[in-house]
Protein backbone atom coordinates (compact mmCIF):
# COMPACT_ATOMS: atom_id res chain seq x y z
CA MET A 1 -54.84 -84.15 70.87
CA LYS A 2 -52.70 -84.86 73.92
CA GLU A 3 -49.92 -87.40 73.74
CA SER A 4 -50.69 -90.79 75.22
CA ILE A 5 -48.97 -91.37 78.54
CA VAL A 6 -49.30 -95.14 78.20
CA LYS A 7 -46.41 -96.79 76.37
CA SER A 8 -47.66 -100.40 76.13
CA TYR A 9 -50.81 -102.44 76.63
CA GLU A 10 -49.04 -104.56 79.23
CA GLU A 11 -49.02 -101.68 81.72
CA LEU A 12 -52.80 -101.29 81.56
CA PRO A 13 -55.13 -102.77 84.19
CA LEU A 14 -57.49 -105.59 83.19
CA PHE A 15 -60.42 -103.14 83.11
CA LEU A 16 -60.09 -99.54 81.95
CA ASN A 17 -62.20 -96.66 83.24
CA ALA A 18 -62.74 -93.38 81.38
CA GLN A 19 -59.51 -91.88 82.73
CA ALA A 20 -57.47 -94.87 81.55
CA VAL A 21 -59.09 -94.76 78.09
CA ALA A 22 -58.35 -91.03 77.94
CA ASN A 23 -54.71 -91.64 78.90
CA VAL A 24 -54.26 -94.28 76.20
CA LEU A 25 -55.95 -92.31 73.43
CA GLY A 26 -54.56 -88.92 74.44
CA VAL A 27 -57.99 -87.32 74.77
CA SER A 28 -59.84 -85.64 77.62
CA PRO A 29 -61.67 -87.79 80.19
CA SER A 30 -64.97 -86.31 79.03
CA SER A 31 -64.24 -87.38 75.42
CA ALA A 32 -63.36 -90.87 76.64
CA TYR A 33 -66.58 -91.01 78.67
CA GLU A 34 -68.61 -90.03 75.58
CA LEU A 35 -66.81 -92.71 73.56
CA MET A 36 -67.61 -95.31 76.21
CA HIS A 37 -71.31 -94.57 75.67
CA GLU A 38 -71.18 -95.22 71.92
CA LYS A 39 -73.03 -98.28 70.71
CA ASP A 40 -70.05 -100.04 69.09
CA PHE A 41 -67.58 -99.36 71.91
CA PRO A 42 -66.93 -102.43 74.13
CA SER A 43 -67.85 -100.91 77.47
CA LEU A 44 -69.39 -102.88 80.29
CA ARG A 45 -71.62 -101.47 83.01
CA ILE A 46 -70.86 -102.68 86.53
CA GLY A 47 -73.21 -100.98 88.92
CA ASN A 48 -72.89 -97.28 88.16
CA ARG A 49 -69.46 -97.65 86.56
CA LEU A 50 -68.51 -98.09 82.92
CA VAL A 51 -65.37 -100.10 82.29
CA VAL A 52 -63.71 -101.64 79.26
CA PRO A 53 -61.92 -105.00 79.35
CA LYS A 54 -58.34 -104.37 78.22
CA GLU A 55 -58.38 -107.00 75.45
CA HIS A 56 -61.69 -105.74 74.06
CA PHE A 57 -60.29 -102.22 73.99
CA ARG A 58 -57.22 -103.44 72.11
CA ASN A 59 -59.42 -105.30 69.60
CA TRP A 60 -61.56 -102.17 69.15
CA VAL A 61 -58.46 -100.10 68.33
CA ASP A 62 -57.10 -102.76 65.95
CA THR A 63 -60.46 -102.95 64.14
CA ARG A 64 -60.51 -99.18 63.63
CA LEU A 65 -56.99 -99.24 62.23
CA ARG A 66 -57.80 -102.06 59.81
CA LYS A 67 -60.87 -100.15 58.58
CA ARG A 68 -58.61 -97.18 57.82
CA GLY A 69 -56.34 -99.47 55.86
CA ASP A 70 -53.13 -97.97 57.19
CA GLY A 71 -51.73 -101.27 58.42
CA TYR A 72 -50.94 -100.16 61.93
CA GLY A 73 -51.96 -103.21 63.94
CA LEU A 74 -51.16 -103.01 67.65
């Protein structure tokens, strides 16, 4: 896994595209694009584009961390 190049949520745009999701998670853009097509991922289709509202993305990450039980809330 690549290291995330994003250091805080505040520096993210209001809507994230696949490249932004990839940068945050430290994965390839193609992996982020696949994730954005998963049923439980909070992506939103606008025309031909898939985007993720920043706050929904943050909630999605927090939910996954709570399910793991490791206590790393963001």
